[in-house]
Protein backbone atom coordinates (compact mmCIF):
# COMPACT_ATOMS: atom_id res chain seq x y z
CA MET A 1 123.64 127.98 -66.52
CA LYS A 2 121.51 124.84 -66.65
CA VAL A 3 122.21 121.82 -64.46
CA LYS A 4 122.99 118.80 -66.63
CA LEU A 5 121.28 115.68 -65.31
CA LEU A 6 121.68 111.97 -65.99
CA LEU A 7 118.64 109.93 -64.93
CA VAL A 8 119.16 106.30 -63.92
CA ASP A 9 116.27 103.93 -63.19
CA ASP A 10 115.36 100.46 -64.43
CA HIS A 11 111.60 101.10 -64.32
CA PRO A 12 110.42 102.62 -67.64
CA LEU A 13 107.35 104.27 -66.07
CA MET A 14 109.43 105.88 -63.32
CA LEU A 15 112.02 107.06 -65.84
CA SER A 16 109.27 108.50 -68.03
CA GLY A 17 107.65 110.28 -65.09
CA LEU A 18 110.95 111.76 -63.97
CA ARG A 19 111.73 112.92 -67.48
CA GLN A 20 108.39 114.65 -67.92
CA ARG A 21 108.47 116.48 -64.59
CA ILE A 22 112.15 117.43 -64.59
CA ALA A 23 111.87 118.72 -68.16
CA GLN A 24 109.50 121.36 -66.77
CA VAL A 25 112.20 122.84 -64.54
CA PRO A 26 113.79 125.71 -66.52
CA HIS A 27 117.28 125.39 -65.05
CA PHE A 28 117.53 121.61 -65.53
CA THR A 29 118.46 119.81 -68.73
CA ILE A 30 118.45 116.03 -69.12
CA VAL A 31 121.54 114.93 -71.04
CA GLY A 32 121.00 111.20 -70.77
CA GLU A 33 119.06 108.26 -69.35
CA ALA A 34 120.14 104.78 -68.29
CA SER A 35 118.42 101.65 -67.01
CA THR A 36 121.53 99.79 -65.76
CA GLY A 37 124.50 100.67 -63.61
CA GLU A 38 126.96 99.82 -66.38
CA LEU A 39 125.20 102.10 -68.86
CA ALA A 40 125.00 104.84 -66.23
CA LEU A 41 128.78 104.68 -65.78
CA LYS A 42 129.38 104.68 -69.53
CA LEU A 43 127.11 107.67 -70.12
CA ALA A 44 128.49 109.58 -67.14
CA LEU A 45 132.02 109.27 -68.49
CA LYS A 46 130.86 110.38 -71.92
CA LEU A 47 128.40 113.15 -71.00
CA ARG A 48 129.96 114.42 -67.75
CA PRO A 49 126.69 115.45 -66.09
CA ASP A 50 126.59 117.86 -63.18
CA LEU A 51 124.41 115.45 -61.22
CA VAL A 52 123.21 111.86 -61.52
CA VAL A 53 119.80 110.83 -60.18
CA MET A 54 120.49 107.21 -59.27
CA ASN A 55 118.25 104.29 -58.35
CA ILE A 56 119.93 101.60 -56.23
CA HIS A 57 118.50 98.29 -57.41
CA LEU A 58 119.73 98.01 -61.00
CA PRO A 59 120.59 95.01 -63.19
CA ALA A 60 124.18 93.73 -62.93
CA MET A 61 125.98 96.71 -61.34
CA ASN A 62 123.88 98.26 -58.58
CA GLY A 63 123.48 101.99 -58.08
CA ILE A 64 125.91 102.23 -55.19
CA GLU A 65 128.75 100.57 -57.08
CA ALA A 66 127.95 102.72 -60.13
CA THR A 67 128.08 105.76 -57.85
CA ARG A 68 131.49 104.78 -56.48
CA GLN A 69 132.94 104.41 -59.96
CA ILE A 70 131.34 107.59 -61.29
CA LEU A 71 132.56 109.72 -58.38
CA SER A 72 136.01 108.17 -58.57
CA ALA A 73 136.32 109.11 -62.25
CA LEU A 74 134.37 112.38 -62.04
CA PRO A 75 134.90 114.01 -58.62
CA ALA A 76 133.00 117.16 -59.64
CA THR A 77 129.86 115.20 -60.49
CA LYS A 78 127.26 114.83 -57.74
CA VAL A 79 124.89 111.93 -57.11
CA VAL A 80 121.44 111.88 -55.54
CA ILE A 81 119.94 108.49 -54.72
CA PHE A 82 116.23 108.26 -55.54
CA SER A 83 115.05 104.90 -54.24
CA GLY A 84 112.13 103.19 -52.60
CA ASP A 85 114.56 101.18 -50.46
CA VAL A 86 115.72 103.09 -47.38
CA THR A 87 117.29 100.14 -45.56
CA GLY A 88 119.87 101.30 -43.05
CA THR A 89 122.75 99.34 -44.59
CA LEU A 90 122.04 100.75 -48.04
CA VAL A 91 121.80 104.29 -46.73
CA ASP A 92 125.12 103.86 -44.94
CA GLU A 93 126.79 102.39 -48.04
CA ALA A 94 125.47 105.22 -50.19
CA LEU A 95 126.77 107.89 -47.82
CA ARG A 96 130.15 106.19 -47.65
CA ALA A 97 130.19 106.11 -51.46
CA GLY A 98 129.90 109.89 -51.41
CA VAL A 99 126.34 110.66 -52.48
CA GLY A 100 125.10 114.18 -51.84
CA GLY A 101 121.53 113.17 -51.21
CA TYR A 102 119.26 110.20 -50.52
CA ILE A 103 115.60 110.75 -51.33
CA SER A 104 112.86 108.20 -50.78
CA LYS A 105 110.46 107.43 -53.61
CA ARG A 106 107.74 107.34 -50.99
CA GLY A 107 107.87 111.11 -51.15
CA SER A 108 107.40 113.05 -54.36
CA VAL A 109 109.33 114.13 -57.41
CA GLU A 110 109.11 117.65 -55.97
CA ASP A 111 111.23 116.44 -53.05
CA LEU A 112 113.77 115.18 -55.56
CA ILE A 113 113.80 118.51 -57.41
CA HIS A 114 114.45 120.41 -54.19
CA ALA A 115 117.18 117.91 -53.31
CA ILE A 116 118.92 118.44 -56.64
CA ASP A 117 119.03 122.18 -56.03
CA ASP A 118 120.32 121.71 -52.49
CA VAL A 119 123.01 119.22 -53.47
CA MET A 120 124.16 121.46 -56.32
CA ALA A 121 124.50 124.20 -53.71
CA GLY A 122 126.86 121.96 -51.74
CA LYS A 123 124.41 120.74 -49.13
CA LEU A 124 123.59 117.26 -47.91
CA CYS A 125 119.94 116.40 -48.53
CA LEU A 126 118.19 113.43 -46.92
CA SER A 127 114.51 112.53 -46.81
CA PRO A 128 113.14 112.80 -43.24
CA GLU A 129 112.81 109.01 -42.98
CA VAL A 130 116.34 108.52 -44.32
CA ASN A 131 117.70 111.10 -41.89
CA ALA A 132 115.95 109.29 -39.03
CA ILE A 133 117.58 106.01 -40.06
CA VAL A 134 121.03 107.62 -40.19
CA VAL A 135 120.63 109.22 -36.78
CA ASP A 136 119.25 106.04 -35.23
CA GLY A 137 122.06 103.93 -36.64
CA TYR A 138 124.84 106.12 -35.38
CA GLN A 139 123.23 106.61 -31.99
CA LYS A 140 122.96 102.85 -31.55
CA ASN A 141 126.68 102.61 -32.24
CA LEU A 142 127.25 104.97 -29.35
CA VAL A 143 125.51 102.70 -26.83
CA GLY A 144 128.05 101.36 -24.36
CA ASN A 145 130.73 103.80 -25.48
CA LYS A 146 131.93 105.49 -22.31
CA ALA A 147 134.63 107.57 -23.96
CA GLU A 148 134.38 111.31 -23.65
CA PRO A 149 132.86 112.61 -26.91
CA SER A 150 134.84 115.12 -28.92
CA SER A 151 131.82 117.43 -28.79
CA SER A 152 133.62 119.23 -25.97
CA VAL A 153 135.81 120.98 -28.53
CA PHE A 154 132.81 122.73 -30.08
CA SER A 155 131.18 125.95 -28.95
CA LYS A 156 127.50 126.05 -28.03
CA ARG A 157 126.69 127.77 -31.31
CA GLU A 158 128.61 125.18 -33.33
CA LYS A 159 126.73 122.36 -31.60
CA GLN A 160 123.41 124.06 -32.37
CA LEU A 161 124.40 124.34 -36.01
CA LEU A 162 125.48 120.71 -36.22
CA ARG A 163 122.25 119.48 -34.63
CA LEU A 164 120.14 121.41 -37.10
CA MET A 165 122.25 120.13 -39.99
CA THR A 166 121.71 116.51 -38.94
CA LYS A 167 117.96 117.13 -39.13
CA GLY A 168 118.38 117.93 -42.81
CA GLN A 169 117.53 121.61 -42.47
CA ARG A 170 118.64 124.00 -45.19
CA ASN A 171 120.91 126.96 -44.56
CA THR A 172 117.99 129.39 -44.76
CA GLU A 173 116.08 127.39 -42.13
CA ILE A 174 119.12 127.17 -39.88
CA ALA A 175 119.75 130.89 -40.25
CA THR A 176 116.17 131.63 -39.21
CA ALA A 177 116.32 129.26 -36.24
CA LEU A 178 119.60 130.72 -34.96
CA LYS A 179 118.73 134.32 -35.92
CA LEU A 180 121.84 134.62 -38.08
CA SER A 181 122.45 135.45 -41.72
CA VAL A 182 122.84 132.72 -44.34
CA ASN A 183 126.39 133.96 -45.01
CA THR A 184 127.23 133.51 -41.33
CA ILE A 185 125.90 129.95 -41.41
CA GLU A 186 128.04 129.24 -44.48
CA THR A 187 131.10 130.60 -42.64
CA TYR A 188 130.39 128.46 -39.57
CA ARG A 189 129.97 125.40 -41.77
CA SER A 190 133.27 125.96 -43.57
CA ARG A 191 135.11 126.43 -40.27
CA LEU A 192 133.57 123.28 -38.83
CA MET A 193 134.63 121.23 -41.84
CA LYS A 194 138.21 122.45 -41.45
CA LYS A 195 138.17 121.89 -37.69
CA VAL A 196 137.24 118.20 -37.94
CA GLY A 197 138.93 117.49 -41.27
CA CYS A 198 135.77 116.70 -43.22
CA ARG A 199 135.82 117.08 -46.98
CA ASN A 200 132.09 117.55 -47.52
CA MET A 201 128.70 117.91 -45.86
CA VAL A 202 128.07 114.17 -45.79
CA GLU A 203 131.20 113.55 -43.73
CA LEU A 204 130.43 116.48 -41.43
CA VAL A 205 126.89 115.31 -40.68
CA CYS A 206 128.03 111.72 -40.12
CA PHE A 207 130.78 113.00 -37.81
CA ALA A 208 128.25 114.97 -35.76
CA ILE A 209 125.98 111.96 -35.41
CA ARG A 210 128.81 109.54 -34.63
CA GLU A 211 130.21 111.79 -31.92
CA GLY A 212 126.83 112.23 -30.28
CA ILE A 213 126.61 115.93 -31.10
CA ALA A 214 123.26 115.35 -32.80
CA VAL A 215 121.78 114.32 -29.45
CA PRO A 216 120.11 117.37 -27.82
């Protein structure tokens, strides 16, 4: 089954480039394109895409607000931010809005394609520079906090898994690093989400960083 995509960007050349490259991926199909946040919301409600590739800086309604409204109306739809702006506050807002991925335009469209596949598989996908910003931001929030971190409730293996997840590694990479099967990694991940009450990968990764578990 093909993944239905809605592309959102206010730069015609970028939108054209995305369309041409993504159209070459056999299991992707582009169901719509938008250049504003308002149009993105309207098309999402009409077309019900599996995933929205969203720019942040859009006329009138920005990409983060459009994301909030889309995910509120269509919980099954996923959103990947594809932006040249990786400012810490924007990254944090996007994660809180519920995006499944945040990819920098400083990378390549290939990075975006891989991110779409990962997010559709239920994984959180962040560009290395975005991941570094997230980790740095949460670690700074920990400075001066003398409280005992809740990391003590996790086993050594669970902490290893969480640390690798916060680095943006895929399940296959984590499985190789820990010498476990991919199915075992999936089981660990599901148990961890239940243990800490997280609804998705974004919340789990943010929890790990906030609690200092990401720190080796």
